[in-house]
Amino acid sequence: MQLQMPLFPDYVFVQIALCGRLEVLEVPQLAMLVGFGGKPTPLPEAEIAALKAGFEGGLRAEPHPYLQAGRRVRVIAGPLAGFEGILLRKKNELRFVISLDLIQRSVAVDCDAADVAPIEPTAKHRENSWRE
């Protein structure tokens, strides 16, 4: 048995003309259209096309928390599981920076997005965020 989950929970994707947005907003349980400044904003066609091509080619994917460079993350898999640090992007690769406070040194290691999860900043991290 294979369990299937929506890749983007709570989102329904539609391709409509802007004049048809009122008809879409009448759908029960629909809260709003995604956008900026009160205007609906389409997803880039290239992103949608790349996802479609990947799935048609057998790409396996699952939902994952959104990760942004500069965000504090925790390693959840692999030999560094449990470490916390800062996520960086170098070219098209993700790197995880571990800081050893006692010796005031850091090391950056390559990581896979599936092996890290965002963490909520603690009061200590918010106070010291200007140092990071």
C-alpha atoms as a PDB file:
ATOM      1  CA  MET A   1       0.000   0.000   0.000  1.00  0.00           C
ATOM      2  CA  GLN A   2       1.263   3.460  -0.882  1.00  0.00           C
ATOM      3  CA  LEU A   3       0.135   6.540   1.029  1.00  0.00           C
ATOM      4  CA  GLN A   4      -0.221   9.671  -1.077  1.00  0.00           C
ATOM      5  CA  MET A   5      -0.246  13.133   0.429  1.00  0.00           C
ATOM      6  CA  PRO A   6      -0.772  16.491  -1.255  1.00  0.00           C
ATOM      7  CA  LEU A   7       2.568  18.067  -2.117  1.00  0.00           C
ATOM      8  CA  PHE A   8       1.355  21.511  -1.074  1.00  0.00           C
ATOM      9  CA  PRO A   9      -1.314  21.016   1.616  1.00  0.00           C
ATOM     10  CA  ASP A  10      -3.993  23.739   1.811  1.00  0.00           C
ATOM     11  CA  TYR A  11      -3.356  24.949  -1.758  1.00  0.00           C
ATOM     12  CA  VAL A  12      -5.408  24.407  -4.900  1.00  0.00           C
ATOM     13  CA  PHE A  13      -3.784  25.421  -8.176  1.00  0.00           C
ATOM     14  CA  VAL A  14      -5.906  26.943 -10.915  1.00  0.00           C
ATOM     15  CA  GLN A  15      -5.102  28.473 -14.265  1.00  0.00           C
ATOM     16  CA  ILE A  16      -7.617  31.220 -14.934  1.00  0.00           C
ATOM     17  CA  ALA A  17      -7.911  34.580 -16.588  1.00  0.00           C
ATOM     18  CA  LEU A  18      -7.776  37.409 -14.062  1.00  0.00           C
ATOM     19  CA  CYS A  19     -11.402  38.268 -14.850  1.00  0.00           C
ATOM     20  CA  GLY A  20     -12.420  34.763 -13.645  1.00  0.00           C
ATOM     21  CA  ARG A  21     -11.089  35.181 -10.121  1.00  0.00           C
ATOM     22  CA  LEU A  22     -14.485  36.014  -8.601  1.00  0.00           C
ATOM     23  CA  GLU A  23     -15.885  32.707  -9.831  1.00  0.00           C
ATOM     24  CA  VAL A  24     -12.998  30.847  -8.184  1.00  0.00           C
ATOM     25  CA  LEU A  25     -13.437  32.747  -4.904  1.00  0.00           C
ATOM     26  CA  GLU A  26     -17.024  31.438  -4.681  1.00  0.00           C
ATOM     27  CA  VAL A  27     -15.740  27.865  -4.229  1.00  0.00           C
ATOM     28  CA  PRO A  28     -16.605  26.675  -0.675  1.00  0.00           C
ATOM     29  CA  GLN A  29     -13.632  26.456   1.733  1.00  0.00           C
ATOM     30  CA  LEU A  30     -11.471  28.672  -0.473  1.00  0.00           C
ATOM     31  CA  ALA A  31     -10.038  31.534   1.558  1.00  0.00           C
ATOM     32  CA  MET A  32      -8.129  33.665  -0.953  1.00  0.00           C
ATOM     33  CA  LEU A  33      -5.928  33.792  -4.001  1.00  0.00           C
ATOM     34  CA  VAL A  34      -2.192  34.019  -3.387  1.00  0.00           C
ATOM     35  CA  GLY A  35      -0.792  37.401  -4.220  1.00  0.00           C
ATOM     36  CA  PHE A  36       0.950  40.572  -3.164  1.00  0.00           C
ATOM     37  CA  GLY A  37      -0.533  43.968  -2.471  1.00  0.00           C
ATOM     38  CA  GLY A  38      -4.058  42.619  -2.853  1.00  0.00           C
ATOM     39  CA  LYS A  39      -3.402  41.467  -6.422  1.00  0.00           C
ATOM     40  CA  PRO A  40      -3.339  37.769  -7.394  1.00  0.00           C
ATOM     41  CA  THR A  41       0.165  36.693  -8.405  1.00  0.00           C
ATOM     42  CA  PRO A  42       0.778  33.693 -10.666  1.00  0.00           C
ATOM     43  CA  LEU A  43       3.468  31.131  -9.956  1.00  0.00           C
ATOM     44  CA  PRO A  44       6.265  31.284 -12.515  1.00  0.00           C
ATOM     45  CA  GLU A  45       5.442  29.025 -15.494  1.00  0.00           C
ATOM     46  CA  ALA A  46       9.005  27.636 -15.438  1.00  0.00           C
ATOM     47  CA  GLU A  47       8.538  26.332 -11.866  1.00  0.00           C
ATOM     48  CA  ILE A  48       5.234  24.639 -12.701  1.00  0.00           C
ATOM     49  CA  ALA A  49       6.679  23.156 -15.910  1.00  0.00           C
ATOM     50  CA  ALA A  50       9.746  21.820 -14.076  1.00  0.00           C
ATOM     51  CA  LEU A  51       7.587  20.154 -11.401  1.00  0.00           C
ATOM     52  CA  LYS A  52       5.293  18.602 -14.011  1.00  0.00           C
ATOM     53  CA  ALA A  53       8.237  17.295 -16.023  1.00  0.00           C
ATOM     54  CA  GLY A  54       9.807  15.845 -12.901  1.00  0.00           C
ATOM     55  CA  PHE A  55       6.646  14.031 -11.844  1.00  0.00           C
ATOM     56  CA  GLU A  56       6.068  12.702 -15.362  1.00  0.00           C
ATOM     57  CA  GLY A  57       9.658  11.422 -15.273  1.00  0.00           C
ATOM     58  CA  GLY A  58       9.080   9.544 -12.026  1.00  0.00           C
ATOM     59  CA  LEU A  59      10.323  12.163  -9.552  1.00  0.00           C
ATOM     60  CA  ARG A  60       9.426  11.180  -5.994  1.00  0.00           C
ATOM     61  CA  ALA A  61       8.628  14.119  -3.742  1.00  0.00           C
ATOM     62  CA  GLU A  62       7.046  14.861  -0.392  1.00  0.00           C
ATOM     63  CA  PRO A  63       6.086  18.036   1.468  1.00  0.00           C
ATOM     64  CA  HIS A  64       8.944  19.709   3.346  1.00  0.00           C
ATOM     65  CA  PRO A  65       9.077  22.868   5.483  1.00  0.00           C
ATOM     66  CA  TYR A  66      10.136  25.957   3.557  1.00  0.00           C
ATOM     67  CA  LEU A  67      13.824  26.660   4.096  1.00  0.00           C
ATOM     68  CA  GLN A  68      15.418  30.023   3.588  1.00  0.00           C
ATOM     69  CA  ALA A  69      19.115  30.897   3.650  1.00  0.00           C
ATOM     70  CA  GLY A  70      20.018  32.542   6.947  1.00  0.00           C
ATOM     71  CA  ARG A  71      17.406  30.579   8.888  1.00  0.00           C
ATOM     72  CA  ARG A  72      18.294  28.596  12.017  1.00  0.00           C
ATOM     73  CA  VAL A  73      17.835  24.890  11.390  1.00  0.00           C
ATOM     74  CA  ARG A  74      18.324  21.580  13.188  1.00  0.00           C
ATOM     75  CA  VAL A  75      19.846  18.545  11.508  1.00  0.00           C
ATOM     76  CA  ILE A  76      17.267  15.747  11.738  1.00  0.00           C
ATOM     77  CA  ALA A  77      19.095  12.931   9.931  1.00  0.00           C
ATOM     78  CA  GLY A  78      22.626  11.698   9.407  1.00  0.00           C
ATOM     79  CA  PRO A  79      25.738  11.836  11.573  1.00  0.00           C
ATOM     80  CA  LEU A  80      25.136  15.463  12.605  1.00  0.00           C
ATOM     81  CA  ALA A  81      21.546  14.856  13.794  1.00  0.00           C
ATOM     82  CA  GLY A  82      20.707  17.155  16.683  1.00  0.00           C
ATOM     83  CA  PHE A  83      23.122  19.946  15.761  1.00  0.00           C
ATOM     84  CA  GLU A  84      21.676  23.414  15.276  1.00  0.00           C
ATOM     85  CA  GLY A  85      23.085  26.116  13.056  1.00  0.00           C
ATOM     86  CA  ILE A  86      22.496  28.486  10.170  1.00  0.00           C
ATOM     87  CA  LEU A  87      21.462  27.402   6.686  1.00  0.00           C
ATOM     88  CA  LEU A  88      23.438  28.952   3.825  1.00  0.00           C
ATOM     89  CA  ARG A  89      23.182  28.720   0.071  1.00  0.00           C
ATOM     90  CA  LYS A  90      26.416  28.515  -1.916  1.00  0.00           C
ATOM     91  CA  LYS A  91      25.792  28.532  -5.648  1.00  0.00           C
ATOM     92  CA  ASN A  92      22.967  25.976  -5.966  1.00  0.00           C
ATOM     93  CA  GLU A  93      23.968  23.896  -2.934  1.00  0.00           C
ATOM     94  CA  LEU A  94      22.827  24.103   0.676  1.00  0.00           C
ATOM     95  CA  ARG A  95      25.371  24.329   3.471  1.00  0.00           C
ATOM     96  CA  PHE A  96      24.878  24.095   7.196  1.00  0.00           C
ATOM     97  CA  VAL A  97      27.087  26.199   9.485  1.00  0.00           C
ATOM     98  CA  ILE A  98      27.840  24.747  12.906  1.00  0.00           C
ATOM     99  CA  SER A  99      29.343  27.173  15.415  1.00  0.00           C
ATOM    100  CA  LEU A 100      31.365  26.002  18.408  1.00  0.00           C
ATOM    101  CA  ASP A 101      30.867  28.892  20.809  1.00  0.00           C
ATOM    102  CA  LEU A 102      33.533  27.828  23.315  1.00  0.00           C
ATOM    103  CA  ILE A 103      36.356  28.146  20.769  1.00  0.00           C
ATOM    104  CA  GLN A 104      34.556  30.731  18.627  1.00  0.00           C
ATOM    105  CA  ARG A 105      34.962  28.767  15.421  1.00  0.00           C
ATOM    106  CA  SER A 106      32.519  27.570  12.791  1.00  0.00           C
ATOM    107  CA  VAL A 107      32.485  24.922  10.116  1.00  0.00           C
ATOM    108  CA  ALA A 108      30.281  24.778   7.012  1.00  0.00           C
ATOM    109  CA  VAL A 109      29.185  21.373   5.732  1.00  0.00           C
ATOM    110  CA  ASP A 110      27.165  20.446   2.662  1.00  0.00           C
ATOM    111  CA  CYS A 111      23.677  19.254   3.496  1.00  0.00           C
ATOM    112  CA  ASP A 112      20.539  17.969   1.888  1.00  0.00           C
ATOM    113  CA  ALA A 113      17.336  19.958   2.456  1.00  0.00           C
ATOM    114  CA  ALA A 114      15.598  16.753   3.572  1.00  0.00           C
ATOM    115  CA  ASP A 115      18.081  16.396   6.441  1.00  0.00           C
ATOM    116  CA  VAL A 116      17.343  19.739   8.116  1.00  0.00           C
ATOM    117  CA  ALA A 117      14.249  21.341   9.611  1.00  0.00           C
ATOM    118  CA  PRO A 118      13.602  24.973  10.544  1.00  0.00           C
ATOM    119  CA  ILE A 119      13.525  25.760  14.252  1.00  0.00           C
ATOM    120  CA  GLU A 120      11.759  28.573  16.001  1.00  0.00           C
ATOM    121  CA  PRO A 121      14.135  31.192  17.378  1.00  0.00           C
ATOM    122  CA  THR A 122      14.471  31.177  21.149  1.00  0.00           C
ATOM    123  CA  ALA A 123      14.703  34.386  23.163  1.00  0.00           C
ATOM    124  CA  LYS A 124      18.521  33.907  23.258  1.00  0.00           C
ATOM    125  CA  HIS A 125      18.724  33.595  19.473  1.00  0.00           C
ATOM    126  CA  ARG A 126      16.498  36.645  18.949  1.00  0.00           C
ATOM    127  CA  GLU A 127      18.693  38.713  21.312  1.00  0.00           C
ATOM    128  CA  ASN A 128      21.899  37.622  19.571  1.00  0.00           C
ATOM    129  CA  SER A 129      20.593  37.621  15.988  1.00  0.00           C
ATOM    130  CA  TRP A 130      22.639  40.725  15.173  1.00  0.00           C
ATOM    131  CA  ARG A 131      25.818  38.638  15.657  1.00  0.00           C
ATOM    132  CA  GLU A 132      24.843  35.932  13.163  1.00  0.00           C
END
